[in-house]
Structure formats: structure tokens, C-alpha cells
């Protein structure tokens, strides 16, 4: 469990962001590992531990290979003050749910 709820992005949306695949973060649960790490609604997850992630089932499937307490690195695209997307990396711990 990371506390991220999102949706897959289409090819045109990904091209606009300059990424191959991505998940749009619709919601981050309060007091979740993702919120504690700094992930925000509106972020776009491009990879997890270097593995491109394009669909929520892919993301959940990857999490199933991890155990509670394991740490993962999410590479995200976030819009900056100039309206351009920049890549940021966040590390967070998996929690059991």
C-alpha cells in the first residue's frame, strides 16, 4: 500500500510530457506513504524503481513483488511554476494494508 490512486495516460498526453508511459495521480490518501514522501495529486508517475509504468494494474502488480517496509523510488513529472513538467524522484516505504 502506498496511498496512490490514479489513471493511465494516453499516448498524446505522454508525448506532451516527454515520457513514454505514465500514470496520472488523481488522489493521494491522507497519512499515506505517498503523502509522507511528497507525492501530490496532479503528479504523473513515469516509473517505479526504473521500470516504466503505464497502467494502474502494472503499478499494483509491481507492488505485489514488494513486502511491507520495502522502499521504492517513484520517478514523477510535476508541473513547475513556469508550467513546464520537471522530473522528480521520491522514495517511499511500502505499508501493509
C-alpha atoms as a PDB file:
ATOM      1  CA  UNK A   1       0.000   0.000   0.000  1.00  0.00           C
ATOM      2  CA  UNK A   2       1.309   3.418  -0.979  1.00  0.00           C
ATOM      3  CA  UNK A   3      -1.873   5.511  -0.946  1.00  0.00           C
ATOM      4  CA  UNK A   4      -1.785   6.470  -4.638  1.00  0.00           C
ATOM      5  CA  UNK A   5      -4.926   6.377  -6.759  1.00  0.00           C
ATOM      6  CA  UNK A   6      -4.525   7.192 -10.434  1.00  0.00           C
ATOM      7  CA  UNK A   7      -5.368   6.593 -14.052  1.00  0.00           C
ATOM      8  CA  UNK A   8      -3.423   5.720 -17.175  1.00  0.00           C
ATOM      9  CA  UNK A   9      -2.428   8.467 -19.598  1.00  0.00           C
ATOM     10  CA  UNK A  10      -2.900   8.221 -23.338  1.00  0.00           C
ATOM     11  CA  UNK A  11      -0.093   8.379 -25.880  1.00  0.00           C
ATOM     12  CA  UNK A  12      -0.676  12.048 -26.760  1.00  0.00           C
ATOM     13  CA  UNK A  13      -0.632  13.083 -23.112  1.00  0.00           C
ATOM     14  CA  UNK A  14       2.640  11.207 -22.560  1.00  0.00           C
ATOM     15  CA  UNK A  15       4.233  12.764 -25.660  1.00  0.00           C
ATOM     16  CA  UNK A  16       3.280  16.211 -24.376  1.00  0.00           C
ATOM     17  CA  UNK A  17       5.087  15.415 -21.107  1.00  0.00           C
ATOM     18  CA  UNK A  18       8.076  13.864 -22.856  1.00  0.00           C
ATOM     19  CA  UNK A  19       7.622  10.412 -21.313  1.00  0.00           C
ATOM     20  CA  UNK A  20       6.881   7.006 -22.812  1.00  0.00           C
ATOM     21  CA  UNK A  21       4.166   5.968 -20.365  1.00  0.00           C
ATOM     22  CA  UNK A  22       2.653   7.384 -17.228  1.00  0.00           C
ATOM     23  CA  UNK A  23       0.043   7.329 -14.505  1.00  0.00           C
ATOM     24  CA  UNK A  24      -1.811  10.484 -13.568  1.00  0.00           C
ATOM     25  CA  UNK A  25      -2.135  10.739  -9.784  1.00  0.00           C
ATOM     26  CA  UNK A  26      -5.784  11.582  -9.131  1.00  0.00           C
ATOM     27  CA  UNK A  27      -5.653  11.297  -5.355  1.00  0.00           C
ATOM     28  CA  UNK A  28      -3.168  10.686  -2.563  1.00  0.00           C
ATOM     29  CA  UNK A  29      -4.592   9.232   0.643  1.00  0.00           C
ATOM     30  CA  UNK A  30      -4.072  11.252   3.807  1.00  0.00           C
ATOM     31  CA  UNK A  31      -1.335   9.970   6.115  1.00  0.00           C
ATOM     32  CA  UNK A  32      -0.165   7.501   3.452  1.00  0.00           C
ATOM     33  CA  UNK A  33       3.431   6.669   2.478  1.00  0.00           C
ATOM     34  CA  UNK A  34       2.954   8.624  -0.769  1.00  0.00           C
ATOM     35  CA  UNK A  35       1.722  11.733   1.049  1.00  0.00           C
ATOM     36  CA  UNK A  36       4.545  11.482   3.584  1.00  0.00           C
ATOM     37  CA  UNK A  37       7.065  11.260   0.706  1.00  0.00           C
ATOM     38  CA  UNK A  38       5.648  14.364  -1.013  1.00  0.00           C
ATOM     39  CA  UNK A  39       3.641  12.869  -3.894  1.00  0.00           C
ATOM     40  CA  UNK A  40       0.761  15.160  -4.893  1.00  0.00           C
ATOM     41  CA  UNK A  41      -2.449  14.964  -6.887  1.00  0.00           C
ATOM     42  CA  UNK A  42      -1.639  16.019 -10.436  1.00  0.00           C
ATOM     43  CA  UNK A  43       1.773  14.338 -10.480  1.00  0.00           C
ATOM     44  CA  UNK A  44       2.488  11.855 -13.255  1.00  0.00           C
ATOM     45  CA  UNK A  45       4.361   8.677 -12.310  1.00  0.00           C
ATOM     46  CA  UNK A  46       6.662   7.675 -15.168  1.00  0.00           C
ATOM     47  CA  UNK A  47       8.492   4.790 -13.486  1.00  0.00           C
ATOM     48  CA  UNK A  48       8.877   2.765 -10.307  1.00  0.00           C
ATOM     49  CA  UNK A  49      12.406   1.651  -9.427  1.00  0.00           C
ATOM     50  CA  UNK A  50      13.371   2.391 -13.027  1.00  0.00           C
ATOM     51  CA  UNK A  51      10.573   0.249 -14.522  1.00  0.00           C
ATOM     52  CA  UNK A  52       8.231   2.222 -16.824  1.00  0.00           C
ATOM     53  CA  UNK A  53       4.651   2.123 -15.542  1.00  0.00           C
ATOM     54  CA  UNK A  54       1.776   2.818 -17.905  1.00  0.00           C
ATOM     55  CA  UNK A  55      -1.319   1.404 -16.232  1.00  0.00           C
ATOM     56  CA  UNK A  56      -2.588   1.138 -12.671  1.00  0.00           C
ATOM     57  CA  UNK A  57      -2.702  -2.689 -12.878  1.00  0.00           C
ATOM     58  CA  UNK A  58       1.023  -2.624 -13.806  1.00  0.00           C
ATOM     59  CA  UNK A  59       1.712  -0.426 -10.781  1.00  0.00           C
ATOM     60  CA  UNK A  60      -0.250  -2.679  -8.418  1.00  0.00           C
ATOM     61  CA  UNK A  61       1.363  -5.779  -9.917  1.00  0.00           C
ATOM     62  CA  UNK A  62       4.818  -4.331  -9.251  1.00  0.00           C
ATOM     63  CA  UNK A  63       3.855  -3.511  -5.663  1.00  0.00           C
ATOM     64  CA  UNK A  64       2.857  -7.161  -5.164  1.00  0.00           C
ATOM     65  CA  UNK A  65       6.538  -8.097  -5.629  1.00  0.00           C
ATOM     66  CA  UNK A  66       7.396  -5.984  -2.577  1.00  0.00           C
ATOM     67  CA  UNK A  67       6.914  -6.533   1.141  1.00  0.00           C
ATOM     68  CA  UNK A  68       5.843  -4.145   3.882  1.00  0.00           C
ATOM     69  CA  UNK A  69       8.809  -1.998   4.822  1.00  0.00           C
ATOM     70  CA  UNK A  70      10.456  -2.252   1.392  1.00  0.00           C
ATOM     71  CA  UNK A  71      11.373   1.088  -0.163  1.00  0.00           C
ATOM     72  CA  UNK A  72      10.610   2.059  -3.747  1.00  0.00           C
ATOM     73  CA  UNK A  73      11.605   5.056  -5.854  1.00  0.00           C
ATOM     74  CA  UNK A  74       8.935   6.791  -7.911  1.00  0.00           C
ATOM     75  CA  UNK A  75      10.036   8.985 -10.804  1.00  0.00           C
ATOM     76  CA  UNK A  76       7.376  11.591 -11.386  1.00  0.00           C
ATOM     77  CA  UNK A  77       6.724  14.538 -13.646  1.00  0.00           C
ATOM     78  CA  UNK A  78       5.407  17.645 -11.896  1.00  0.00           C
ATOM     79  CA  UNK A  79       4.417  20.981 -13.349  1.00  0.00           C
ATOM     80  CA  UNK A  80       6.660  23.781 -12.037  1.00  0.00           C
ATOM     81  CA  UNK A  81       5.833  27.479 -11.622  1.00  0.00           C
ATOM     82  CA  UNK A  82       6.628  28.109 -15.299  1.00  0.00           C
ATOM     83  CA  UNK A  83       4.076  25.488 -16.362  1.00  0.00           C
ATOM     84  CA  UNK A  84       6.750  23.066 -17.549  1.00  0.00           C
ATOM     85  CA  UNK A  85       6.984  19.488 -16.339  1.00  0.00           C
ATOM     86  CA  UNK A  86      10.133  18.518 -14.469  1.00  0.00           C
ATOM     87  CA  UNK A  87      11.233  15.090 -13.291  1.00  0.00           C
ATOM     88  CA  UNK A  88      11.497  14.442  -9.569  1.00  0.00           C
ATOM     89  CA  UNK A  89      12.351  11.234  -7.721  1.00  0.00           C
ATOM     90  CA  UNK A  90      10.692  10.293  -4.439  1.00  0.00           C
ATOM     91  CA  UNK A  91      11.479   7.362  -2.186  1.00  0.00           C
ATOM     92  CA  UNK A  92       8.763   5.864  -0.033  1.00  0.00           C
ATOM     93  CA  UNK A  93       8.178   2.796   2.110  1.00  0.00           C
ATOM     94  CA  UNK A  94       5.531   0.202   1.317  1.00  0.00           C
ATOM     95  CA  UNK A  95       2.963  -0.364   4.068  1.00  0.00           C
ATOM     96  CA  UNK A  96       0.843  -3.430   4.636  1.00  0.00           C
ATOM     97  CA  UNK A  97      -2.871  -2.924   4.347  1.00  0.00           C
END
